[in-house]
C-alpha atoms as a PDB file:
ATOM      1  CA  MET A   1       0.043 -29.438  14.272  1.00  0.00           C
ATOM      2  CA  ARG A   2      -2.049 -26.451  15.296  1.00  0.00           C
ATOM      3  CA  PHE A   3      -1.560 -24.549  18.539  1.00  0.00           C
ATOM      4  CA  ASP A   4      -4.242 -22.203  19.883  1.00  0.00           C
ATOM      5  CA  VAL A   5      -3.086 -20.156  22.856  1.00  0.00           C
ATOM      6  CA  VAL A   6      -5.487 -18.219  25.075  1.00  0.00           C
ATOM      7  CA  THR A   7      -3.380 -15.508  26.667  1.00  0.00           C
ATOM      8  CA  LEU A   8      -3.526 -11.956  27.964  1.00  0.00           C
ATOM      9  CA  PHE A   9      -0.132 -11.352  26.324  1.00  0.00           C
ATOM     10  CA  PRO A  10      -0.387 -12.615  22.726  1.00  0.00           C
ATOM     11  CA  ASP A  11       2.532 -10.435  21.630  1.00  0.00           C
ATOM     12  CA  MET A  12       4.774 -12.277  24.090  1.00  0.00           C
ATOM     13  CA  ILE A  13       3.896 -15.636  22.506  1.00  0.00           C
ATOM     14  CA  ARG A  14       4.075 -14.250  18.976  1.00  0.00           C
ATOM     15  CA  HIS A  15       7.476 -12.646  19.478  1.00  0.00           C
ATOM     16  CA  ILE A  16       9.289 -15.528  21.174  1.00  0.00           C
ATOM     17  CA  SER A  17       7.780 -18.270  19.017  1.00  0.00           C
ATOM     18  CA  GLY A  18       9.120 -16.509  15.940  1.00  0.00           C
ATOM     19  CA  TYR A  19      12.651 -17.647  16.737  1.00  0.00           C
ATOM     20  CA  GLY A  20      14.548 -20.897  16.266  1.00  0.00           C
ATOM     21  CA  VAL A  21      12.908 -24.257  15.723  1.00  0.00           C
ATOM     22  CA  THR A  22       9.339 -23.059  16.262  1.00  0.00           C
ATOM     23  CA  GLY A  23       9.759 -20.039  14.011  1.00  0.00           C
ATOM     24  CA  ARG A  24      11.081 -22.208  11.178  1.00  0.00           C
ATOM     25  CA  ALA A  25       8.284 -24.733  11.649  1.00  0.00           C
ATOM     26  CA  ILE A  26       5.693 -21.954  11.368  1.00  0.00           C
ATOM     27  CA  ASP A  27       7.390 -20.462   8.308  1.00  0.00           C
ATOM     28  CA  ASN A  28       7.496 -23.892   6.646  1.00  0.00           C
ATOM     29  CA  GLY A  29       3.836 -24.595   7.344  1.00  0.00           C
ATOM     30  CA  ILE A  30       4.486 -27.557   9.639  1.00  0.00           C
ATOM     31  CA  VAL A  31       3.004 -25.708  12.606  1.00  0.00           C
ATOM     32  CA  ALA A  32       0.065 -23.309  12.677  1.00  0.00           C
ATOM     33  CA  MET A  33      -0.519 -20.992  15.607  1.00  0.00           C
ATOM     34  CA  LYS A  34      -3.378 -18.709  16.545  1.00  0.00           C
ATOM     35  CA  LEU A  35      -3.503 -16.445  19.581  1.00  0.00           C
ATOM     36  CA  TRP A  36      -6.622 -15.448  21.490  1.00  0.00           C
ATOM     37  CA  ASN A  37      -6.889 -12.657  24.055  1.00  0.00           C
ATOM     38  CA  PRO A  38      -9.704 -13.187  26.600  1.00  0.00           C
ATOM     39  CA  ARG A  39     -10.043  -9.404  26.892  1.00  0.00           C
ATOM     40  CA  ASP A  40     -11.562  -9.466  23.424  1.00  0.00           C
ATOM     41  CA  PHE A  41     -14.375 -11.580  24.859  1.00  0.00           C
ATOM     42  CA  ALA A  42     -15.072  -9.525  27.994  1.00  0.00           C
ATOM     43  CA  ASN A  43     -18.587  -8.061  27.851  1.00  0.00           C
ATOM     44  CA  ASN A  44     -18.069  -5.289  30.410  1.00  0.00           C
ATOM     45  CA  HIS A  45     -17.217  -1.622  29.853  1.00  0.00           C
ATOM     46  CA  HIS A  46     -13.610  -1.850  31.032  1.00  0.00           C
ATOM     47  CA  ARG A  47     -12.902  -5.218  29.335  1.00  0.00           C
ATOM     48  CA  ALA A  48     -12.072  -6.582  32.774  1.00  0.00           C
ATOM     49  CA  ILE A  49     -11.130 -10.234  32.903  1.00  0.00           C
ATOM     50  CA  ASP A  50     -10.330 -10.514  36.622  1.00  0.00           C
ATOM     51  CA  ASP A  51     -11.857  -9.672  39.987  1.00  0.00           C
ATOM     52  CA  ARG A  52     -11.172 -10.031  43.692  1.00  0.00           C
ATOM     53  CA  SER A  53     -11.200 -13.437  45.281  1.00  0.00           C
ATOM     54  CA  TYR A  54     -14.224 -14.529  47.308  1.00  0.00           C
ATOM     55  CA  GLY A  55     -13.126 -15.158  50.877  1.00  0.00           C
ATOM     56  CA  GLY A  56     -10.457 -12.476  50.710  1.00  0.00           C
ATOM     57  CA  GLY A  57      -6.745 -12.778  50.186  1.00  0.00           C
ATOM     58  CA  PRO A  58      -4.173 -11.138  47.931  1.00  0.00           C
ATOM     59  CA  GLY A  59      -4.236 -10.978  44.157  1.00  0.00           C
ATOM     60  CA  MET A  60      -6.915 -11.128  41.519  1.00  0.00           C
ATOM     61  CA  VAL A  61      -8.664 -14.123  39.965  1.00  0.00           C
ATOM     62  CA  MET A  62      -9.422 -14.548  36.254  1.00  0.00           C
ATOM     63  CA  MET A  63     -13.173 -14.724  35.641  1.00  0.00           C
ATOM     64  CA  VAL A  64     -15.038 -17.574  33.981  1.00  0.00           C
ATOM     65  CA  ARG A  65     -17.011 -15.843  31.229  1.00  0.00           C
ATOM     66  CA  PRO A  66     -14.220 -14.161  29.202  1.00  0.00           C
ATOM     67  CA  LEU A  67     -12.139 -17.328  29.297  1.00  0.00           C
ATOM     68  CA  GLN A  68     -15.120 -19.495  28.478  1.00  0.00           C
ATOM     69  CA  ALA A  69     -16.115 -17.323  25.516  1.00  0.00           C
ATOM     70  CA  ALA A  70     -12.546 -17.369  24.225  1.00  0.00           C
ATOM     71  CA  VAL A  71     -12.366 -21.165  24.404  1.00  0.00           C
ATOM     72  CA  GLU A  72     -15.726 -21.502  22.652  1.00  0.00           C
ATOM     73  CA  ALA A  73     -14.443 -19.280  19.845  1.00  0.00           C
ATOM     74  CA  VAL A  74     -11.258 -21.331  19.601  1.00  0.00           C
ATOM     75  CA  ARG A  75     -13.157 -24.590  19.277  1.00  0.00           C
ATOM     76  CA  ALA A  76     -15.484 -23.132  16.639  1.00  0.00           C
ATOM     77  CA  ASP A  77     -12.571 -21.824  14.574  1.00  0.00           C
ATOM     78  CA  SER A  78     -11.433 -25.230  13.326  1.00  0.00           C
ATOM     79  CA  ASP A  79     -12.819 -28.699  12.798  1.00  0.00           C
ATOM     80  CA  LEU A  80      -9.575 -30.208  14.074  1.00  0.00           C
ATOM     81  CA  PRO A  81     -10.099 -32.034  17.373  1.00  0.00           C
ATOM     82  CA  GLY A  82      -8.122 -30.534  20.222  1.00  0.00           C
ATOM     83  CA  LYS A  83      -7.819 -31.054  23.954  1.00  0.00           C
ATOM     84  CA  THR A  84      -7.888 -27.952  26.172  1.00  0.00           C
ATOM     85  CA  LEU A  85      -4.802 -27.846  28.393  1.00  0.00           C
ATOM     86  CA  PHE A  86      -4.501 -25.521  31.377  1.00  0.00           C
ATOM     87  CA  LEU A  87      -0.906 -24.776  32.340  1.00  0.00           C
ATOM     88  CA  ASN A  88      -0.967 -24.762  36.086  1.00  0.00           C
ATOM     89  CA  PRO A  89       1.567 -25.488  38.902  1.00  0.00           C
ATOM     90  CA  GLN A  90      -1.012 -27.865  40.395  1.00  0.00           C
ATOM     91  CA  GLY A  91      -1.231 -29.944  37.223  1.00  0.00           C
ATOM     92  CA  ARG A  92       0.442 -33.211  36.393  1.00  0.00           C
ATOM     93  CA  ARG A  93       4.172 -32.769  35.872  1.00  0.00           C
ATOM     94  CA  LEU A  94       5.160 -32.935  32.204  1.00  0.00           C
ATOM     95  CA  THR A  95       7.632 -35.535  31.019  1.00  0.00           C
ATOM     96  CA  GLN A  96       9.121 -36.302  27.623  1.00  0.00           C
ATOM     97  CA  ILE A  97       6.690 -39.201  27.321  1.00  0.00           C
ATOM     98  CA  ASP A  98       3.802 -36.748  27.615  1.00  0.00           C
ATOM     99  CA  ILE A  99       5.375 -34.426  25.048  1.00  0.00           C
ATOM    100  CA  LYS A 100       5.701 -37.359  22.636  1.00  0.00           C
ATOM    101  CA  SER A 101       2.004 -38.103  23.063  1.00  0.00           C
ATOM    102  CA  PHE A 102       1.140 -34.440  22.425  1.00  0.00           C
ATOM    103  CA  ALA A 103       3.124 -34.534  19.177  1.00  0.00           C
ATOM    104  CA  LYS A 104       0.773 -37.237  17.875  1.00  0.00           C
ATOM    105  CA  ARG A 105      -2.242 -34.961  18.250  1.00  0.00           C
ATOM    106  CA  GLU A 106      -3.541 -32.643  15.557  1.00  0.00           C
ATOM    107  CA  ARG A 107      -4.246 -29.665  17.800  1.00  0.00           C
ATOM    108  CA  LEU A 108      -3.525 -28.342  21.280  1.00  0.00           C
ATOM    109  CA  ILE A 109      -5.496 -25.565  22.969  1.00  0.00           C
ATOM    110  CA  LEU A 110      -3.305 -24.007  25.647  1.00  0.00           C
ATOM    111  CA  ILE A 111      -4.697 -21.801  28.416  1.00  0.00           C
ATOM    112  CA  ALA A 112      -2.152 -19.423  29.945  1.00  0.00           C
ATOM    113  CA  GLY A 113      -3.351 -18.260  33.339  1.00  0.00           C
ATOM    114  CA  ARG A 114      -2.279 -15.074  35.123  1.00  0.00           C
ATOM    115  CA  TYR A 115      -2.628 -13.273  38.458  1.00  0.00           C
ATOM    116  CA  GLU A 116      -3.526 -15.268  41.576  1.00  0.00           C
ATOM    117  CA  GLY A 117      -5.292 -17.938  39.569  1.00  0.00           C
ATOM    118  CA  VAL A 118      -8.335 -18.879  37.512  1.00  0.00           C
ATOM    119  CA  ASP A 119     -11.889 -19.355  38.769  1.00  0.00           C
ATOM    120  CA  GLU A 120     -12.143 -23.063  39.525  1.00  0.00           C
ATOM    121  CA  ARG A 121     -15.461 -23.303  37.711  1.00  0.00           C
ATOM    122  CA  PHE A 122     -13.772 -22.544  34.392  1.00  0.00           C
ATOM    123  CA  ILE A 123     -11.385 -25.447  34.988  1.00  0.00           C
ATOM    124  CA  ASP A 124     -14.257 -27.751  35.894  1.00  0.00           C
ATOM    125  CA  MET A 125     -16.316 -26.788  32.849  1.00  0.00           C
ATOM    126  CA  GLU A 126     -13.807 -26.232  30.039  1.00  0.00           C
ATOM    127  CA  VAL A 127     -10.415 -27.791  30.803  1.00  0.00           C
ATOM    128  CA  ASP A 128      -9.587 -31.334  29.686  1.00  0.00           C
ATOM    129  CA  GLU A 129      -6.115 -31.633  31.214  1.00  0.00           C
ATOM    130  CA  GLU A 130      -3.953 -29.692  33.696  1.00  0.00           C
ATOM    131  CA  TRP A 131      -0.180 -29.729  33.241  1.00  0.00           C
ATOM    132  CA  SER A 132       2.769 -28.317  35.166  1.00  0.00           C
ATOM    133  CA  LEU A 133       6.390 -27.759  34.159  1.00  0.00           C
ATOM    134  CA  GLY A 134       7.562 -28.530  37.691  1.00  0.00           C
ATOM    135  CA  ASP A 135       7.258 -27.763  41.366  1.00  0.00           C
ATOM    136  CA  TYR A 136       7.744 -24.015  41.119  1.00  0.00           C
ATOM    137  CA  VAL A 137       5.683 -20.954  40.187  1.00  0.00           C
ATOM    138  CA  VAL A 138       6.232 -18.421  37.394  1.00  0.00           C
ATOM    139  CA  SER A 139       4.302 -15.230  36.785  1.00  0.00           C
ATOM    140  CA  GLY A 140       2.088 -16.598  34.052  1.00  0.00           C
ATOM    141  CA  GLY A 141       1.260 -19.548  31.843  1.00  0.00           C
ATOM    142  CA  GLU A 142       2.806 -17.969  28.752  1.00  0.00           C
ATOM    143  CA  LEU A 143       6.266 -19.304  29.583  1.00  0.00           C
ATOM    144  CA  ALA A 144       4.851 -22.775  30.135  1.00  0.00           C
ATOM    145  CA  ALA A 145       2.916 -22.569  26.854  1.00  0.00           C
ATOM    146  CA  LEU A 146       6.077 -21.619  24.986  1.00  0.00           C
ATOM    147  CA  VAL A 147       7.933 -24.555  26.527  1.00  0.00           C
ATOM    148  CA  VAL A 148       5.184 -26.971  25.473  1.00  0.00           C
ATOM    149  CA  ILE A 149       5.085 -25.523  21.956  1.00  0.00           C
ATOM    150  CA  ASP A 150       8.851 -25.779  21.531  1.00  0.00           C
ATOM    151  CA  ALA A 151       9.124 -29.269  23.015  1.00  0.00           C
ATOM    152  CA  VAL A 152       6.288 -30.617  20.849  1.00  0.00           C
ATOM    153  CA  THR A 153       7.370 -28.845  17.676  1.00  0.00           C
ATOM    154  CA  ARG A 154      10.881 -30.302  17.683  1.00  0.00           C
ATOM    155  CA  LEU A 155       9.376 -33.813  17.587  1.00  0.00           C
ATOM    156  CA  LEU A 156       7.280 -33.180  14.462  1.00  0.00           C
ATOM    157  CA  PRO A 157       8.602 -34.761  11.253  1.00  0.00           C
ATOM    158  CA  GLY A 158      10.538 -32.350   9.075  1.00  0.00           C
ATOM    159  CA  VAL A 159      11.122 -29.721  11.756  1.00  0.00           C
ATOM    160  CA  LEU A 160      14.736 -30.493  12.654  1.00  0.00           C
ATOM    161  CA  GLY A 161      17.436 -30.741  10.024  1.00  0.00           C
ATOM    162  CA  ASP A 162      17.885 -34.382  11.012  1.00  0.00           C
ATOM    163  CA  ASP A 163      14.889 -36.153  12.550  1.00  0.00           C
ATOM    164  CA  GLU A 164      17.322 -38.388  14.456  1.00  0.00           C
ATOM    165  CA  SER A 165      18.421 -35.343  16.494  1.00  0.00           C
ATOM    166  CA  ALA A 166      15.226 -35.377  18.546  1.00  0.00           C
ATOM    167  CA  GLN A 167      15.461 -39.131  19.079  1.00  0.00           C
ATOM    168  CA  ARG A 168      18.854 -38.666  20.748  1.00  0.00           C
ATOM    169  CA  ASP A 169      17.682 -35.991  23.177  1.00  0.00           C
ATOM    170  CA  SER A 170      17.711 -36.550  26.928  1.00  0.00           C
ATOM    171  CA  PHE A 171      14.672 -38.475  28.221  1.00  0.00           C
ATOM    172  CA  MET A 172      13.650 -39.811  24.797  1.00  0.00           C
ATOM    173  CA  ASN A 173      14.860 -43.327  25.710  1.00  0.00           C
ATOM    174  CA  GLY A 174      14.431 -42.885  29.454  1.00  0.00           C
ATOM    175  CA  LEU A 175      18.040 -41.785  29.935  1.00  0.00           C
ATOM    176  CA  LEU A 176      19.964 -38.529  30.059  1.00  0.00           C
ATOM    177  CA  ASP A 177      21.897 -37.583  26.940  1.00  0.00           C
ATOM    178  CA  TYR A 178      25.556 -38.484  26.547  1.00  0.00           C
ATOM    179  CA  PRO A 179      28.249 -35.722  26.544  1.00  0.00           C
ATOM    180  CA  HIS A 180      29.017 -33.911  23.294  1.00  0.00           C
ATOM    181  CA  TYR A 181      32.301 -32.533  21.922  1.00  0.00           C
ATOM    182  CA  THR A 182      33.390 -30.458  18.929  1.00  0.00           C
ATOM    183  CA  ARG A 183      36.572 -28.798  17.623  1.00  0.00           C
ATOM    184  CA  PRO A 184      39.283 -28.307  18.702  1.00  0.00           C
ATOM    185  CA  VAL A 185      40.401 -31.713  19.958  1.00  0.00           C
ATOM    186  CA  GLU A 186      42.275 -30.245  22.947  1.00  0.00           C
ATOM    187  CA  ILE A 187      41.438 -27.249  25.133  1.00  0.00           C
ATOM    188  CA  ASP A 188      43.552 -26.393  28.190  1.00  0.00           C
ATOM    189  CA  GLY A 189      44.716 -29.975  28.477  1.00  0.00           C
ATOM    190  CA  ARG A 190      41.253 -31.460  28.192  1.00  0.00           C
ATOM    191  CA  CYS A 191      40.905 -33.730  25.174  1.00  0.00           C
ATOM    192  CA  VAL A 192      38.035 -35.265  23.272  1.00  0.00           C
ATOM    193  CA  PRO A 193      37.716 -38.964  24.219  1.00  0.00           C
ATOM    194  CA  ASP A 194      39.756 -41.098  21.820  1.00  0.00           C
ATOM    195  CA  VAL A 195      36.815 -43.337  20.950  1.00  0.00           C
ATOM    196  CA  LEU A 196      34.983 -40.404  19.333  1.00  0.00           C
ATOM    197  CA  LEU A 197      37.947 -39.887  16.999  1.00  0.00           C
ATOM    198  CA  SER A 198      38.297 -43.562  16.111  1.00  0.00           C
ATOM    199  CA  GLY A 199      35.714 -43.794  13.356  1.00  0.00           C
ATOM    200  CA  ASN A 200      34.474 -47.068  14.872  1.00  0.00           C
ATOM    201  CA  HIS A 201      30.749 -46.416  15.011  1.00  0.00           C
ATOM    202  CA  ALA A 202      29.946 -49.550  17.014  1.00  0.00           C
ATOM    203  CA  GLU A 203      32.392 -48.517  19.723  1.00  0.00           C
ATOM    204  CA  ILE A 204      31.120 -44.929  19.622  1.00  0.00           C
ATOM    205  CA  ASP A 205      27.535 -46.133  20.124  1.00  0.00           C
ATOM    206  CA  ARG A 206      28.686 -48.345  22.995  1.00  0.00           C
ATOM    207  CA  TRP A 207      30.545 -45.437  24.643  1.00  0.00           C
ATOM    208  CA  ARG A 208      27.563 -43.126  24.264  1.00  0.00           C
ATOM    209  CA  LEU A 209      25.185 -45.635  25.842  1.00  0.00           C
ATOM    210  CA  LYS A 210      27.655 -46.123  28.705  1.00  0.00           C
ATOM    211  CA  GLN A 211      27.813 -42.375  29.304  1.00  0.00           C
ATOM    212  CA  SER A 212      24.022 -42.034  29.196  1.00  0.00           C
ATOM    213  CA  LEU A 213      23.572 -44.825  31.702  1.00  0.00           C
ATOM    214  CA  GLY A 214      26.287 -43.497  33.999  1.00  0.00           C
ATOM    215  CA  ARG A 215      25.085 -39.902  33.894  1.00  0.00           C
ATOM    216  CA  THR A 216      21.528 -40.958  34.565  1.00  0.00           C
ATOM    217  CA  ASN A 217      22.592 -43.131  37.492  1.00  0.00           C
ATOM    218  CA  ARG A 218      24.611 -40.309  39.068  1.00  0.00           C
ATOM    219  CA  ARG A 219      22.425 -37.308  38.283  1.00  0.00           C
ATOM    220  CA  ARG A 220      18.904 -38.751  38.082  1.00  0.00           C
ATOM    221  CA  PRO A 221      18.874 -42.168  39.796  1.00  0.00           C
ATOM    222  CA  ASP A 222      15.100 -41.908  40.017  1.00  0.00           C
ATOM    223  CA  MET A 223      14.968 -42.470  36.253  1.00  0.00           C
ATOM    224  CA  LEU A 224      16.605 -45.880  36.650  1.00  0.00           C
ATOM    225  CA  ALA A 225      14.591 -46.904  39.694  1.00  0.00           C
ATOM    226  CA  GLY A 226      12.476 -49.897  38.756  1.00  0.00           C
ATOM    227  CA  ARG A 227      13.995 -50.101  35.277  1.00  0.00           C
ATOM    228  CA  ILE A 228      15.194 -53.573  34.315  1.00  0.00           C
ATOM    229  CA  LEU A 229      18.602 -53.258  32.678  1.00  0.00           C
ATOM    230  CA  THR A 230      19.891 -55.716  30.125  1.00  0.00           C
ATOM    231  CA  ASP A 231      23.109 -57.616  30.818  1.00  0.00           C
ATOM    232  CA  GLU A 232      24.936 -55.272  28.444  1.00  0.00           C
ATOM    233  CA  GLN A 233      23.546 -52.193  30.158  1.00  0.00           C
ATOM    234  CA  ARG A 234      24.550 -53.472  33.604  1.00  0.00           C
ATOM    235  CA  GLN A 235      28.051 -54.168  32.299  1.00  0.00           C
ATOM    236  CA  LEU A 236      28.316 -50.691  30.778  1.00  0.00           C
ATOM    237  CA  LEU A 237      27.112 -49.055  33.958  1.00  0.00           C
ATOM    238  CA  ASN A 238      29.655 -51.024  35.976  1.00  0.00           C
ATOM    239  CA  GLU A 239      32.427 -49.996  33.560  1.00  0.00           C
ATOM    240  CA  PHE A 240      31.370 -46.355  33.873  1.00  0.00           C
ATOM    241  CA  GLU A 241      31.587 -46.406  37.669  1.00  0.00           C
ATOM    242  CA  ILE A 242      34.969 -48.158  37.617  1.00  0.00           C
ATOM    243  CA  GLU A 243      36.343 -45.607  35.144  1.00  0.00           C
ATOM    244  CA  LYS A 244      35.028 -42.706  37.210  1.00  0.00           C
ATOM    245  CA  THR A 245      36.516 -44.158  40.387  1.00  0.00           C
ATOM    246  CA  LYS A 246      39.926 -44.566  38.752  1.00  0.00           C
ATOM    247  CA  GLY A 247      39.720 -41.059  37.335  1.00  0.00           C
ATOM    248  CA  ASN A 248      39.224 -39.619  40.836  1.00  0.00           C
ATOM    249  CA  GLU A 249      42.151 -41.489  42.381  1.00  0.00           C
END
């Protein structure tokens, strides 16, 4: 997987992506990353990449030509096919399903916007897809780019110590993850569920699925809306609610 990031703050991307899962993937040659600063493609004396908005209003707008030249250089730098993604609060909201589809691609070109926004003509001419992390605004697209890079990288074969780890993450099977426990067995009167100490892997798997279904139903019912549950899943969900009700009595 190759990531090309067009950003006014390449050091920010370089520094943070050097840690953890992404850093190891880069070191091991599973992921390649190249950073591009649109200022390097500005053809004016002050290397300006933004200007005031037509029609007035606060903030500055990133200009078309420096961004366009940067993207053209990115595309010419490799024969790998790659979609150009603009990280934008107005884009389609990312889900784990989308991240899984990204992980099947060979290359992603990520555009990190700044200031009040980007000239709409650049989006019309050069952007293939617009994506948003959620219904909120951050100061720049760098944070969103880092999230996409991390989320995609952890799904690539050989990145995690155990490839099954990613498959058990929340959202991978349309459900939230089950609760996790580690040593010691008891803390302040709170104990690890007996089933996890039993060694019975079939019962452990059943308990984990029950917890995932129950958590999803209580915390994110929208994820179950319209989903057709199997008879076993309905039974597990019913057991979960009964156990929770008894626990609150």
